[in-house]
Amino acid sequence: MDRVNKDDCVSCTLKHLSAAIVEMGELQKGYWDTDHEIYCEGNLNEASEQIAGIDLRLANQLRALRVNVFNDRAGIKPSHIKICKQLFWQVKKYLKDEKTIIHTSATPKKPKPCNCGKSKTTENSG
């Protein structure tokens, strides 16, 4: 099966894992059937996709965690959060390797200036 996300990026993987850990905390408090569930599952999937081209073993562990949590819907256990944190630190080790793929930010380096405070003239103004 082809991967949906073809970008491999350690920084993005870490970003998605961090978000998933936060969302797991909310699910552990009982916030199922909310956006927390959607974001957690999506971030775990995205983290798995982002690391797949760098470390397929880690990608498969993330997938297994996601499947375990969301197929059973038995709730978030402390062990789920612990596993996610352990995977985070395993991925973070790749930042020390200069050959690791980290793609550039999607945000432009110099954002366009905001014009919201400037008054606009209209054809009808006199």
PDB file of N, CA and C in Angstrom:
ATOM      1  N   MET A   1       0.838  -1.176   0.000  1.00  0.00           N
ATOM      2  CA  MET A   1       0.000   0.000   0.000  1.00  0.00           C
ATOM      3  C   MET A   1       0.884   1.242   0.000  1.00  0.00           C
ATOM      4  N   ASP A   2       0.554   2.208  -0.844  1.00  0.00           N
ATOM      5  CA  ASP A   2       1.301   3.458  -0.892  1.00  0.00           C
ATOM      6  C   ASP A   2       1.010   4.302   0.328  1.00  0.00           C
ATOM      7  N   ARG A   3       2.041   5.002   0.772  1.00  0.00           N
ATOM      8  CA  ARG A   3       1.872   5.929   1.881  1.00  0.00           C
ATOM      9  C   ARG A   3       1.144   7.172   1.393  1.00  0.00           C
ATOM     10  N   VAL A   4       0.290   7.718   2.225  1.00  0.00           N
ATOM     11  CA  VAL A   4      -0.425   8.947   1.894  1.00  0.00           C
ATOM     12  C   VAL A   4       0.550  10.111   1.936  1.00  0.00           C
ATOM     13  N   ASN A   5       1.327  10.206   3.011  1.00  0.00           N
ATOM     14  CA  ASN A   5       2.296  11.276   3.184  1.00  0.00           C
ATOM     15  C   ASN A   5       3.650  10.750   2.739  1.00  0.00           C
ATOM     16  N   LYS A   6       4.214  11.347   1.738  1.00  0.00           N
ATOM     17  CA  LYS A   6       5.488  10.862   1.219  1.00  0.00           C
ATOM     18  C   LYS A   6       6.678  11.621   1.804  1.00  0.00           C
ATOM     19  N   ASP A   7       6.427  12.606   2.686  1.00  0.00           N
ATOM     20  CA  ASP A   7       7.505  13.346   3.328  1.00  0.00           C
ATOM     21  C   ASP A   7       7.999  12.588   4.541  1.00  0.00           C
ATOM     22  N   ASP A   8       9.308  12.536   4.698  1.00  0.00           N
ATOM     23  CA  ASP A   8       9.916  11.936   5.873  1.00  0.00           C
ATOM     24  C   ASP A   8      10.582  13.059   6.646  1.00  0.00           C
ATOM     25  N   CYS A   9      10.209  13.235   7.894  1.00  0.00           N
ATOM     26  CA  CYS A   9      10.770  14.341   8.663  1.00  0.00           C
ATOM     27  C   CYS A   9      10.739  14.025  10.149  1.00  0.00           C
ATOM     28  N   VAL A  10      11.908  14.065  10.773  1.00  0.00           N
ATOM     29  CA  VAL A  10      12.009  13.794  12.208  1.00  0.00           C
ATOM     30  C   VAL A  10      11.306  14.888  13.003  1.00  0.00           C
ATOM     31  N   SER A  11      11.532  16.142  12.639  1.00  0.00           N
ATOM     32  CA  SER A  11      10.912  17.249  13.384  1.00  0.00           C
ATOM     33  C   SER A  11       9.393  17.169  13.339  1.00  0.00           C
ATOM     34  N   CYS A  12       8.846  16.859  12.178  1.00  0.00           N
ATOM     35  CA  CYS A  12       7.385  16.739  12.060  1.00  0.00           C
ATOM     36  C   CYS A  12       6.875  15.539  12.858  1.00  0.00           C
ATOM     37  N   THR A  13       7.634  14.455  12.861  1.00  0.00           N
ATOM     38  CA  THR A  13       7.252  13.287  13.654  1.00  0.00           C
ATOM     39  C   THR A  13       7.167  13.665  15.127  1.00  0.00           C
ATOM     40  N   LEU A  14       8.166  14.392  15.606  1.00  0.00           N
ATOM     41  CA  LEU A  14       8.175  14.814  17.008  1.00  0.00           C
ATOM     42  C   LEU A  14       7.005  15.740  17.306  1.00  0.00           C
ATOM     43  N   LYS A  15       6.700  16.638  16.375  1.00  0.00           N
ATOM     44  CA  LYS A  15       5.570  17.553  16.558  1.00  0.00           C
ATOM     45  C   LYS A  15       4.272  16.768  16.706  1.00  0.00           C
ATOM     46  N   HIS A  16       4.064  15.781  15.836  1.00  0.00           N
ATOM     47  CA  HIS A  16       2.830  14.995  15.874  1.00  0.00           C
ATOM     48  C   HIS A  16       2.768  14.095  17.111  1.00  0.00           C
ATOM     49  N   LEU A  17       3.907  13.550  17.512  1.00  0.00           N
ATOM     50  CA  LEU A  17       3.916  12.732  18.727  1.00  0.00           C
ATOM     51  C   LEU A  17       3.608  13.575  19.959  1.00  0.00           C
ATOM     52  N   SER A  18       4.174  14.773  20.027  1.00  0.00           N
ATOM     53  CA  SER A  18       3.895  15.665  21.161  1.00  0.00           C
ATOM     54  C   SER A  18       2.411  15.973  21.248  1.00  0.00           C
ATOM     55  N   ALA A  19       1.823  16.296  20.108  1.00  0.00           N
ATOM     56  CA  ALA A  19       0.388  16.603  20.082  1.00  0.00           C
ATOM     57  C   ALA A  19      -0.437  15.387  20.493  1.00  0.00           C
ATOM     58  N   ALA A  20      -0.041  14.209  20.028  1.00  0.00           N
ATOM     59  CA  ALA A  20      -0.774  12.987  20.371  1.00  0.00           C
ATOM     60  C   ALA A  20      -0.709  12.712  21.874  1.00  0.00           C
ATOM     61  N   ILE A  21       0.445  12.968  22.489  1.00  0.00           N
ATOM     62  CA  ILE A  21       0.593  12.738  23.929  1.00  0.00           C
ATOM     63  C   ILE A  21      -0.356  13.658  24.704  1.00  0.00           C
ATOM     64  N   VAL A  22      -0.435  14.916  24.288  1.00  0.00           N
ATOM     65  CA  VAL A  22      -1.351  15.856  24.945  1.00  0.00           C
ATOM     66  C   VAL A  22      -2.795  15.392  24.792  1.00  0.00           C
ATOM     67  N   GLU A  23      -3.163  14.986  23.583  1.00  0.00           N
ATOM     68  CA  GLU A  23      -4.534  14.532  23.324  1.00  0.00           C
ATOM     69  C   GLU A  23      -4.839  13.244  24.089  1.00  0.00           C
ATOM     70  N   MET A  24      -3.846  12.370  24.247  1.00  0.00           N
ATOM     71  CA  MET A  24      -4.054  11.154  25.037  1.00  0.00           C
ATOM     72  C   MET A  24      -4.405  11.508  26.479  1.00  0.00           C
ATOM     73  N   GLY A  25      -3.765  12.549  26.994  1.00  0.00           N
ATOM     74  CA  GLY A  25      -4.082  13.005  28.347  1.00  0.00           C
ATOM     75  C   GLY A  25      -5.539  13.416  28.464  1.00  0.00           C
ATOM     76  N   GLU A  26      -6.053  14.083  27.445  1.00  0.00           N
ATOM     77  CA  GLU A  26      -7.466  14.487  27.452  1.00  0.00           C
ATOM     78  C   GLU A  26      -8.380  13.276  27.329  1.00  0.00           C
ATOM     79  N   LEU A  27      -8.016  12.324  26.495  1.00  0.00           N
ATOM     80  CA  LEU A  27      -8.832  11.116  26.345  1.00  0.00           C
ATOM     81  C   LEU A  27      -8.832  10.299  27.637  1.00  0.00           C
ATOM     82  N   GLN A  28      -7.687  10.304  28.311  1.00  0.00           N
ATOM     83  CA  GLN A  28      -7.596   9.575  29.571  1.00  0.00           C
ATOM     84  C   GLN A  28      -8.557  10.165  30.606  1.00  0.00           C
ATOM     85  N   LYS A  29      -8.854  11.449  30.482  1.00  0.00           N
ATOM     86  CA  LYS A  29      -9.800  12.114  31.385  1.00  0.00           C
ATOM     87  C   LYS A  29     -11.248  11.834  30.991  1.00  0.00           C
ATOM     88  N   GLY A  30     -11.434  11.152  29.841  1.00  0.00           N
ATOM     89  CA  GLY A  30     -12.782  10.766  29.446  1.00  0.00           C
ATOM     90  C   GLY A  30     -13.380  11.552  28.295  1.00  0.00           C
ATOM     91  N   TYR A  31     -12.591  12.327  27.610  1.00  0.00           N
ATOM     92  CA  TYR A  31     -13.115  13.163  26.528  1.00  0.00           C
ATOM     93  C   TYR A  31     -13.161  12.425  25.182  1.00  0.00           C
ATOM     94  N   TRP A  32     -13.759  11.245  25.180  1.00  0.00           N
ATOM     95  CA  TRP A  32     -13.958  10.499  23.936  1.00  0.00           C
ATOM     96  C   TRP A  32     -15.114  11.136  23.171  1.00  0.00           C
ATOM     97  N   ASP A  33     -15.225  10.826  21.903  1.00  0.00           N
ATOM     98  CA  ASP A  33     -16.270  11.376  21.039  1.00  0.00           C
ATOM     99  C   ASP A  33     -16.198  12.899  20.974  1.00  0.00           C
ATOM    100  N   THR A  34     -14.977  13.420  21.003  1.00  0.00           N
ATOM    101  CA  THR A  34     -14.725  14.852  20.874  1.00  0.00           C
ATOM    102  C   THR A  34     -13.605  15.040  19.861  1.00  0.00           C
ATOM    103  N   ASP A  35     -13.268  16.284  19.618  1.00  0.00           N
ATOM    104  CA  ASP A  35     -12.153  16.560  18.707  1.00  0.00           C
ATOM    105  C   ASP A  35     -10.844  15.978  19.224  1.00  0.00           C
ATOM    106  N   HIS A  36     -10.717  15.785  20.540  1.00  0.00           N
ATOM    107  CA  HIS A  36      -9.494  15.201  21.093  1.00  0.00           C
ATOM    108  C   HIS A  36      -9.243  13.816  20.490  1.00  0.00           C
ATOM    109  N   GLU A  37     -10.296  13.065  20.294  1.00  0.00           N
ATOM    110  CA  GLU A  37     -10.162  11.727  19.704  1.00  0.00           C
ATOM    111  C   GLU A  37      -9.661  11.829  18.264  1.00  0.00           C
ATOM    112  N   ILE A  38     -10.246  12.730  17.511  1.00  0.00           N
ATOM    113  CA  ILE A  38      -9.855  12.912  16.109  1.00  0.00           C
ATOM    114  C   ILE A  38      -8.392  13.342  16.023  1.00  0.00           C
ATOM    115  N   TYR A  39      -8.014  14.334  16.823  1.00  0.00           N
ATOM    116  CA  TYR A  39      -6.651  14.861  16.765  1.00  0.00           C
ATOM    117  C   TYR A  39      -5.622  13.833  17.218  1.00  0.00           C
ATOM    118  N   CYS A  40      -5.954  13.068  18.239  1.00  0.00           N
ATOM    119  CA  CYS A  40      -5.022  12.067  18.728  1.00  0.00           C
ATOM    120  C   CYS A  40      -4.773  10.989  17.677  1.00  0.00           C
ATOM    121  N   GLU A  41      -5.841  10.459  17.143  1.00  0.00           N
ATOM    122  CA  GLU A  41      -5.693   9.413  16.127  1.00  0.00           C
ATOM    123  C   GLU A  41      -4.971   9.947  14.893  1.00  0.00           C
ATOM    124  N   GLY A  42      -5.338  11.145  14.469  1.00  0.00           N
ATOM    125  CA  GLY A  42      -4.699  11.752  13.298  1.00  0.00           C
ATOM    126  C   GLY A  42      -3.222  12.026  13.517  1.00  0.00           C
ATOM    127  N   ASN A  43      -2.869  12.534  14.697  1.00  0.00           N
ATOM    128  CA  ASN A  43      -1.462  12.819  14.975  1.00  0.00           C
ATOM    129  C   ASN A  43      -0.631  11.553  15.087  1.00  0.00           C
ATOM    130  N   LEU A  44      -1.189  10.496  15.660  1.00  0.00           N
ATOM    131  CA  LEU A  44      -0.452   9.225  15.704  1.00  0.00           C
ATOM    132  C   LEU A  44      -0.230   8.684  14.294  1.00  0.00           C
ATOM    133  N   ASN A  45      -1.246   8.791  13.448  1.00  0.00           N
ATOM    134  CA  ASN A  45      -1.110   8.324  12.081  1.00  0.00           C
ATOM    135  C   ASN A  45      -0.082   9.163  11.317  1.00  0.00           C
ATOM    136  N   GLU A  46      -0.154  10.471  11.483  1.00  0.00           N
ATOM    137  CA  GLU A  46       0.773  11.362  10.782  1.00  0.00           C
ATOM    138  C   GLU A  46       2.208  11.137  11.247  1.00  0.00           C
ATOM    139  N   ALA A  47       2.410  10.930  12.542  1.00  0.00           N
ATOM    140  CA  ALA A  47       3.750  10.644  13.058  1.00  0.00           C
ATOM    141  C   ALA A  47       4.297   9.365  12.433  1.00  0.00           C
ATOM    142  N   SER A  48       3.448   8.363  12.325  1.00  0.00           N
ATOM    143  CA  SER A  48       3.852   7.100  11.717  1.00  0.00           C
ATOM    144  C   SER A  48       4.248   7.298  10.256  1.00  0.00           C
ATOM    145  N   GLU A  49       3.472   8.085   9.531  1.00  0.00           N
ATOM    146  CA  GLU A  49       3.768   8.360   8.119  1.00  0.00           C
ATOM    147  C   GLU A  49       5.079   9.135   7.962  1.00  0.00           C
ATOM    148  N   GLN A  50       5.312  10.107   8.838  1.00  0.00           N
ATOM    149  CA  GLN A  50       6.488  10.970   8.720  1.00  0.00           C
ATOM    150  C   GLN A  50       7.791  10.227   9.006  1.00  0.00           C
ATOM    151  N   ILE A  51       7.755   9.199   9.837  1.00  0.00           N
ATOM    152  CA  ILE A  51       8.980   8.487  10.207  1.00  0.00           C
ATOM    153  C   ILE A  51       9.178   7.214   9.364  1.00  0.00           C
ATOM    154  N   ALA A  52       8.176   6.826   8.594  1.00  0.00           N
ATOM    155  CA  ALA A  52       8.217   5.543   7.864  1.00  0.00           C
ATOM    156  C   ALA A  52       9.426   5.414   6.935  1.00  0.00           C
ATOM    157  N   GLY A  53       9.795   6.476   6.260  1.00  0.00           N
ATOM    158  CA  GLY A  53      10.928   6.401   5.339  1.00  0.00           C
ATOM    159  C   GLY A  53      12.277   6.458   6.032  1.00  0.00           C
ATOM    160  N   ILE A  54      12.278   6.770   7.320  1.00  0.00           N
ATOM    161  CA  ILE A  54      13.518   6.868   8.091  1.00  0.00           C
ATOM    162  C   ILE A  54      13.705   5.633   8.961  1.00  0.00           C
ATOM    163  N   ASP A  55      12.630   5.192   9.604  1.00  0.00           N
ATOM    164  CA  ASP A  55      12.704   4.027  10.493  1.00  0.00           C
ATOM    165  C   ASP A  55      11.356   3.304  10.470  1.00  0.00           C
ATOM    166  N   LEU A  56      11.264   2.305   9.628  1.00  0.00           N
ATOM    167  CA  LEU A  56      10.012   1.572   9.447  1.00  0.00           C
ATOM    168  C   LEU A  56       9.585   0.845  10.726  1.00  0.00           C
ATOM    169  N   ARG A  57      10.563   0.417  11.524  1.00  0.00           N
ATOM    170  CA  ARG A  57      10.242  -0.262  12.783  1.00  0.00           C
ATOM    171  C   ARG A  57       9.477   0.680  13.715  1.00  0.00           C
ATOM    172  N   LEU A  58       9.952   1.923  13.853  1.00  0.00           N
ATOM    173  CA  LEU A  58       9.250   2.903  14.678  1.00  0.00           C
ATOM    174  C   LEU A  58       7.877   3.223  14.098  1.00  0.00           C
ATOM    175  N   ALA A  59       7.798   3.339  12.791  1.00  0.00           N
ATOM    176  CA  ALA A  59       6.511   3.619  12.139  1.00  0.00           C
ATOM    177  C   ALA A  59       5.504   2.523  12.462  1.00  0.00           C
ATOM    178  N   ASN A  60       5.948   1.282  12.415  1.00  0.00           N
ATOM    179  CA  ASN A  60       5.051   0.160  12.712  1.00  0.00           C
ATOM    180  C   ASN A  60       4.653   0.121  14.188  1.00  0.00           C
ATOM    181  N   GLN A  61       5.552   0.536  15.079  1.00  0.00           N
ATOM    182  CA  GLN A  61       5.210   0.598  16.501  1.00  0.00           C
ATOM    183  C   GLN A  61       4.154   1.680  16.742  1.00  0.00           C
ATOM    184  N   LEU A  62       4.290   2.798  16.070  1.00  0.00           N
ATOM    185  CA  LEU A  62       3.286   3.860  16.187  1.00  0.00           C
ATOM    186  C   LEU A  62       1.945   3.403  15.645  1.00  0.00           C
ATOM    187  N   ARG A  63       1.981   2.720  14.528  1.00  0.00           N
ATOM    188  CA  ARG A  63       0.733   2.198  13.952  1.00  0.00           C
ATOM    189  C   ARG A  63       0.070   1.216  14.907  1.00  0.00           C
ATOM    190  N   ALA A  64       0.866   0.319  15.484  1.00  0.00           N
ATOM    191  CA  ALA A  64       0.321  -0.667  16.424  1.00  0.00           C
ATOM    192  C   ALA A  64      -0.304   0.023  17.638  1.00  0.00           C
ATOM    193  N   LEU A  65       0.338   1.088  18.116  1.00  0.00           N
ATOM    194  CA  LEU A  65      -0.214   1.838  19.241  1.00  0.00           C
ATOM    195  C   LEU A  65      -1.552   2.455  18.859  1.00  0.00           C
ATOM    196  N   ARG A  66      -1.600   3.074  17.684  1.00  0.00           N
ATOM    197  CA  ARG A  66      -2.845   3.701  17.222  1.00  0.00           C
ATOM    198  C   ARG A  66      -3.959   2.673  17.080  1.00  0.00           C
ATOM    199  N   VAL A  67      -3.650   1.554  16.464  1.00  0.00           N
ATOM    200  CA  VAL A  67      -4.654   0.501  16.279  1.00  0.00           C
ATOM    201  C   VAL A  67      -5.126  -0.030  17.623  1.00  0.00           C
ATOM    202  N   ASN A  68      -4.185  -0.252  18.537  1.00  0.00           N
ATOM    203  CA  ASN A  68      -4.524  -0.761  19.866  1.00  0.00           C
ATOM    204  C   ASN A  68      -5.469   0.185  20.599  1.00  0.00           C
ATOM    205  N   VAL A  69      -5.170   1.470  20.557  1.00  0.00           N
ATOM    206  CA  VAL A  69      -5.981   2.453  21.281  1.00  0.00           C
ATOM    207  C   VAL A  69      -7.344   2.651  20.627  1.00  0.00           C
ATOM    208  N   PHE A  70      -7.372   2.805  19.312  1.00  0.00           N
ATOM    209  CA  PHE A  70      -8.611   3.242  18.668  1.00  0.00           C
ATOM    210  C   PHE A  70      -9.493   2.120  18.150  1.00  0.00           C
ATOM    211  N   ASN A  71      -8.960   0.932  17.960  1.00  0.00           N
ATOM    212  CA  ASN A  71      -9.836  -0.167  17.551  1.00  0.00           C
ATOM    213  C   ASN A  71     -10.634  -0.705  18.738  1.00  0.00           C
ATOM    214  N   ASP A  72      -9.985  -0.779  19.897  1.00  0.00           N
ATOM    215  CA  ASP A  72     -10.666  -1.296  21.082  1.00  0.00           C
ATOM    216  C   ASP A  72     -11.525  -0.231  21.753  1.00  0.00           C
ATOM    217  N   ARG A  73     -11.091   1.020  21.690  1.00  0.00           N
ATOM    218  CA  ARG A  73     -11.753   2.134  22.368  1.00  0.00           C
ATOM    219  C   ARG A  73     -11.997   1.807  23.832  1.00  0.00           C
ATOM    220  N   ALA A  74     -11.074   1.061  24.404  1.00  0.00           N
ATOM    221  CA  ALA A  74     -11.183   0.685  25.812  1.00  0.00           C
ATOM    222  C   ALA A  74     -10.698   1.803  26.723  1.00  0.00           C
ATOM    223  N   GLY A  75     -10.195   2.848  26.130  1.00  0.00           N
ATOM    224  CA  GLY A  75      -9.688   3.964  26.923  1.00  0.00           C
ATOM    225  C   GLY A  75      -8.177   4.030  26.865  1.00  0.00           C
ATOM    226  N   ILE A  76      -7.685   5.196  27.213  1.00  0.00           N
ATOM    227  CA  ILE A  76      -6.245   5.403  27.236  1.00  0.00           C
ATOM    228  C   ILE A  76      -5.714   4.897  28.572  1.00  0.00           C
ATOM    229  N   LYS A  77      -4.753   4.016  28.489  1.00  0.00           N
ATOM    230  CA  LYS A  77      -4.115   3.490  29.688  1.00  0.00           C
ATOM    231  C   LYS A  77      -2.800   4.243  29.897  1.00  0.00           C
ATOM    232  N   PRO A  78      -2.328   4.316  31.123  1.00  0.00           N
ATOM    233  CA  PRO A  78      -1.020   4.945  31.351  1.00  0.00           C
ATOM    234  C   PRO A  78       0.077   4.319  30.486  1.00  0.00           C
ATOM    235  N   SER A  79      -0.049   3.027  30.199  1.00  0.00           N
ATOM    236  CA  SER A  79       0.958   2.359  29.366  1.00  0.00           C
ATOM    237  C   SER A  79       0.965   2.907  27.941  1.00  0.00           C
ATOM    238  N   HIS A  80      -0.198   3.335  27.429  1.00  0.00           N
ATOM    239  CA  HIS A  80      -0.241   3.920  26.085  1.00  0.00           C
ATOM    240  C   HIS A  80       0.573   5.207  26.030  1.00  0.00           C
ATOM    241  N   ILE A  81       0.385   6.052  27.048  1.00  0.00           N
ATOM    242  CA  ILE A  81       1.119   7.321  27.090  1.00  0.00           C
ATOM    243  C   ILE A  81       2.611   7.047  27.280  1.00  0.00           C
ATOM    244  N   LYS A  82       2.925   6.065  28.102  1.00  0.00           N
ATOM    245  CA  LYS A  82       4.332   5.712  28.332  1.00  0.00           C
ATOM    246  C   LYS A  82       4.986   5.239  27.040  1.00  0.00           C
ATOM    247  N   ILE A  83       4.294   4.401  26.290  1.00  0.00           N
ATOM    248  CA  ILE A  83       4.825   3.909  25.013  1.00  0.00           C
ATOM    249  C   ILE A  83       5.031   5.079  24.050  1.00  0.00           C
ATOM    250  N   CYS A  84       4.078   5.982  23.986  1.00  0.00           N
ATOM    251  CA  CYS A  84       4.169   7.125  23.082  1.00  0.00           C
ATOM    252  C   CYS A  84       5.369   8.002  23.455  1.00  0.00           C
ATOM    253  N   LYS A  85       5.583   8.211  24.745  1.00  0.00           N
ATOM    254  CA  LYS A  85       6.736   9.001  25.194  1.00  0.00           C
ATOM    255  C   LYS A  85       8.052   8.296  24.856  1.00  0.00           C
ATOM    256  N   GLN A  86       8.086   6.980  25.034  1.00  0.00           N
ATOM    257  CA  GLN A  86       9.295   6.226  24.702  1.00  0.00           C
ATOM    258  C   GLN A  86       9.605   6.331  23.215  1.00  0.00           C
ATOM    259  N   LEU A  87       8.572   6.256  22.389  1.00  0.00           N
ATOM    260  CA  LEU A  87       8.767   6.394  20.943  1.00  0.00           C
ATOM    261  C   LEU A  87       9.241   7.806  20.593  1.00  0.00           C
ATOM    262  N   PHE A  88       8.710   8.809  21.293  1.00  0.00           N
ATOM    263  CA  PHE A  88       9.160  10.183  21.090  1.00  0.00           C
ATOM    264  C   PHE A  88      10.672  10.275  21.273  1.00  0.00           C
ATOM    265  N   TRP A  89      11.179   9.727  22.383  1.00  0.00           N
ATOM    266  CA  TRP A  89      12.616   9.830  22.670  1.00  0.00           C
ATOM    267  C   TRP A  89      13.447   9.009  21.695  1.00  0.00           C
ATOM    268  N   GLN A  90      12.902   7.912  21.184  1.00  0.00           N
ATOM    269  CA  GLN A  90      13.625   7.136  20.165  1.00  0.00           C
ATOM    270  C   GLN A  90      13.739   7.934  18.874  1.00  0.00           C
ATOM    271  N   VAL A  91      12.670   8.614  18.498  1.00  0.00           N
ATOM    272  CA  VAL A  91      12.695   9.438  17.290  1.00  0.00           C
ATOM    273  C   VAL A  91      13.651  10.612  17.484  1.00  0.00           C
ATOM    274  N   LYS A  92      13.642  11.203  18.653  1.00  0.00           N
ATOM    275  CA  LYS A  92      14.473  12.386  18.922  1.00  0.00           C
ATOM    276  C   LYS A  92      15.964  12.097  18.726  1.00  0.00           C
ATOM    277  N   LYS A  93      16.381  10.853  18.926  1.00  0.00           N
ATOM    278  CA  LYS A  93      17.786  10.485  18.725  1.00  0.00           C
ATOM    279  C   LYS A  93      18.237  10.761  17.293  1.00  0.00           C
ATOM    280  N   TYR A  94      17.305  10.736  16.348  1.00  0.00           N
ATOM    281  CA  TYR A  94      17.662  10.983  14.954  1.00  0.00           C
ATOM    282  C   TYR A  94      18.091  12.428  14.708  1.00  0.00           C
ATOM    283  N   LEU A  95      17.725  13.345  15.584  1.00  0.00           N
ATOM    284  CA  LEU A  95      18.120  14.749  15.402  1.00  0.00           C
ATOM    285  C   LEU A  95      19.632  14.930  15.539  1.00  0.00           C
ATOM    286  N   LYS A  96      20.281  14.004  16.223  1.00  0.00           N
ATOM    287  CA  LYS A  96      21.735  14.087  16.394  1.00  0.00           C
ATOM    288  C   LYS A  96      22.485  13.656  15.139  1.00  0.00           C
ATOM    289  N   ASP A  97      21.808  12.977  14.245  1.00  0.00           N
ATOM    290  CA  ASP A  97      22.426  12.481  13.016  1.00  0.00           C
ATOM    291  C   ASP A  97      22.285  13.534  11.922  1.00  0.00           C
ATOM    292  N   GLU A  98      23.399  14.017  11.404  1.00  0.00           N
ATOM    293  CA  GLU A  98      23.383  15.071  10.389  1.00  0.00           C
ATOM    294  C   GLU A  98      22.738  14.612   9.085  1.00  0.00           C
ATOM    295  N   LYS A  99      22.675  13.319   8.867  1.00  0.00           N
ATOM    296  CA  LYS A  99      22.097  12.798   7.625  1.00  0.00           C
ATOM    297  C   LYS A  99      20.579  12.654   7.697  1.00  0.00           C
ATOM    298  N   THR A 100      20.018  12.880   8.880  1.00  0.00           N
ATOM    299  CA  THR A 100      18.574  12.726   9.068  1.00  0.00           C
ATOM    300  C   THR A 100      17.826  13.754   8.241  1.00  0.00           C
ATOM    301  N   ILE A 101      16.727  13.316   7.701  1.00  0.00           N
ATOM    302  CA  ILE A 101      15.904  14.188   6.864  1.00  0.00           C
ATOM    303  C   ILE A 101      15.049  15.090   7.740  1.00  0.00           C
ATOM    304  N   ILE A 102      15.205  16.384   7.540  1.00  0.00           N
ATOM    305  CA  ILE A 102      14.345  17.371   8.179  1.00  0.00           C
ATOM    306  C   ILE A 102      13.986  18.362   7.092  1.00  0.00           C
ATOM    307  N   HIS A 103      12.736  18.384   6.696  1.00  0.00           N
ATOM    308  CA  HIS A 103      12.387  19.298   5.603  1.00  0.00           C
ATOM    309  C   HIS A 103      12.166  20.700   6.126  1.00  0.00           C
ATOM    310  N   THR A 104      12.222  21.652   5.216  1.00  0.00           N
ATOM    311  CA  THR A 104      12.107  23.051   5.614  1.00  0.00           C
ATOM    312  C   THR A 104      10.683  23.358   6.045  1.00  0.00           C
ATOM    313  N   SER A 105      10.570  24.402   6.811  1.00  0.00           N
ATOM    314  CA  SER A 105       9.274  24.819   7.340  1.00  0.00           C
ATOM    315  C   SER A 105       8.336  25.205   6.207  1.00  0.00           C
ATOM    316  N   ALA A 106       7.063  24.917   6.409  1.00  0.00           N
ATOM    317  CA  ALA A 106       6.055  25.309   5.426  1.00  0.00           C
ATOM    318  C   ALA A 106       5.734  26.791   5.542  1.00  0.00           C
ATOM    319  N   THR A 107       6.137  27.405   6.639  1.00  0.00           N
ATOM    320  CA  THR A 107       5.887  28.823   6.859  1.00  0.00           C
ATOM    321  C   THR A 107       6.970  29.637   6.162  1.00  0.00           C
ATOM    322  N   PRO A 108       6.579  30.657   5.403  1.00  0.00           N
ATOM    323  CA  PRO A 108       7.602  31.475   4.749  1.00  0.00           C
ATOM    324  C   PRO A 108       8.499  32.148   5.791  1.00  0.00           C
ATOM    325  N   LYS A 109       9.770  32.302   5.451  1.00  0.00           N
ATOM    326  CA  LYS A 109      10.705  32.917   6.383  1.00  0.00           C
ATOM    327  C   LYS A 109      10.329  34.357   6.699  1.00  0.00           C
ATOM    328  N   LYS A 110       9.822  35.060   5.713  1.00  0.00           N
ATOM    329  CA  LYS A 110       9.423  36.454   5.930  1.00  0.00           C
ATOM    330  C   LYS A 110       7.933  36.560   5.631  1.00  0.00           C
ATOM    331  N   PRO A 111       7.107  36.506   6.678  1.00  0.00           N
ATOM    332  CA  PRO A 111       5.661  36.556   6.431  1.00  0.00           C
ATOM    333  C   PRO A 111       5.249  37.901   5.849  1.00  0.00           C
ATOM    334  N   LYS A 112       4.168  37.875   5.105  1.00  0.00           N
ATOM    335  CA  LYS A 112       3.634  39.102   4.525  1.00  0.00           C
ATOM    336  C   LYS A 112       3.167  40.015   5.648  1.00  0.00           C
ATOM    337  N   PRO A 113       3.368  41.332   5.494  1.00  0.00           N
ATOM    338  CA  PRO A 113       2.924  42.245   6.553  1.00  0.00           C
ATOM    339  C   PRO A 113       1.404  42.258   6.658  1.00  0.00           C
ATOM    340  N   CYS A 114       0.937  42.450   7.869  1.00  0.00           N
ATOM    341  CA  CYS A 114      -0.496  42.500   8.122  1.00  0.00           C
ATOM    342  C   CYS A 114      -1.026  43.876   7.763  1.00  0.00           C
ATOM    343  N   ASN A 115      -2.106  43.932   7.026  1.00  0.00           N
ATOM    344  CA  ASN A 115      -2.721  45.196   6.629  1.00  0.00           C
ATOM    345  C   ASN A 115      -4.037  45.434   7.355  1.00  0.00           C
ATOM    346  N   CYS A 116      -4.306  44.676   8.382  1.00  0.00           N
ATOM    347  CA  CYS A 116      -5.620  44.768   9.025  1.00  0.00           C
ATOM    348  C   CYS A 116      -5.853  46.114   9.715  1.00  0.00           C
ATOM    349  N   GLY A 117      -4.803  46.815  10.108  1.00  0.00           N
ATOM    350  CA  GLY A 117      -4.970  48.084  10.797  1.00  0.00           C
ATOM    351  C   GLY A 117      -5.079  49.286   9.872  1.00  0.00           C
ATOM    352  N   LYS A 118      -4.824  49.070   8.599  1.00  0.00           N
ATOM    353  CA  LYS A 118      -4.867  50.178   7.645  1.00  0.00           C
ATOM    354  C   LYS A 118      -6.281  50.380   7.134  1.00  0.00           C
ATOM    355  N   SER A 119      -6.686  51.623   6.997  1.00  0.00           N
ATOM    356  CA  SER A 119      -8.029  51.898   6.496  1.00  0.00           C
ATOM    357  C   SER A 119      -8.046  51.709   4.982  1.00  0.00           C
ATOM    358  N   LYS A 120      -9.176  51.261   4.512  1.00  0.00           N
ATOM    359  CA  LYS A 120      -9.334  51.029   3.075  1.00  0.00           C
ATOM    360  C   LYS A 120     -10.248  52.100   2.521  1.00  0.00           C
ATOM    361  N   THR A 121      -9.922  52.552   1.351  1.00  0.00           N
ATOM    362  CA  THR A 121     -10.781  53.541   0.688  1.00  0.00           C
ATOM    363  C   THR A 121     -11.705  52.827  -0.266  1.00  0.00           C
ATOM    364  N   THR A 122     -12.871  53.356  -0.405  1.00  0.00           N
ATOM    365  CA  THR A 122     -13.847  52.775  -1.329  1.00  0.00           C
ATOM    366  C   THR A 122     -14.185  53.779  -2.396  1.00  0.00           C
ATOM    367  N   GLU A 123     -14.827  53.336  -3.446  1.00  0.00           N
ATOM    368  CA  GLU A 123     -15.215  54.220  -4.553  1.00  0.00           C
ATOM    369  C   GLU A 123     -16.203  55.275  -4.091  1.00  0.00           C
ATOM    370  N   ASN A 124     -17.012  54.971  -3.083  1.00  0.00           N
ATOM    371  CA  ASN A 124     -18.055  55.879  -2.628  1.00  0.00           C
ATOM    372  C   ASN A 124     -17.542  56.912  -1.616  1.00  0.00           C
ATOM    373  N   SER A 125     -16.324  56.753  -1.141  1.00  0.00           N
ATOM    374  CA  SER A 125     -15.853  57.692  -0.125  1.00  0.00           C
ATOM    375  C   SER A 125     -15.490  59.015  -0.779  1.00  0.00           C
ATOM    376  N   GLY A 126     -15.768  60.094  -0.067  1.00  0.00           N
ATOM    377  CA  GLY A 126     -15.644  61.341  -0.714  1.00  0.00           C
ATOM    378  C   GLY A 126     -14.621  62.229  -0.276  1.00  0.00           C
TER     379      GLY A 126
END
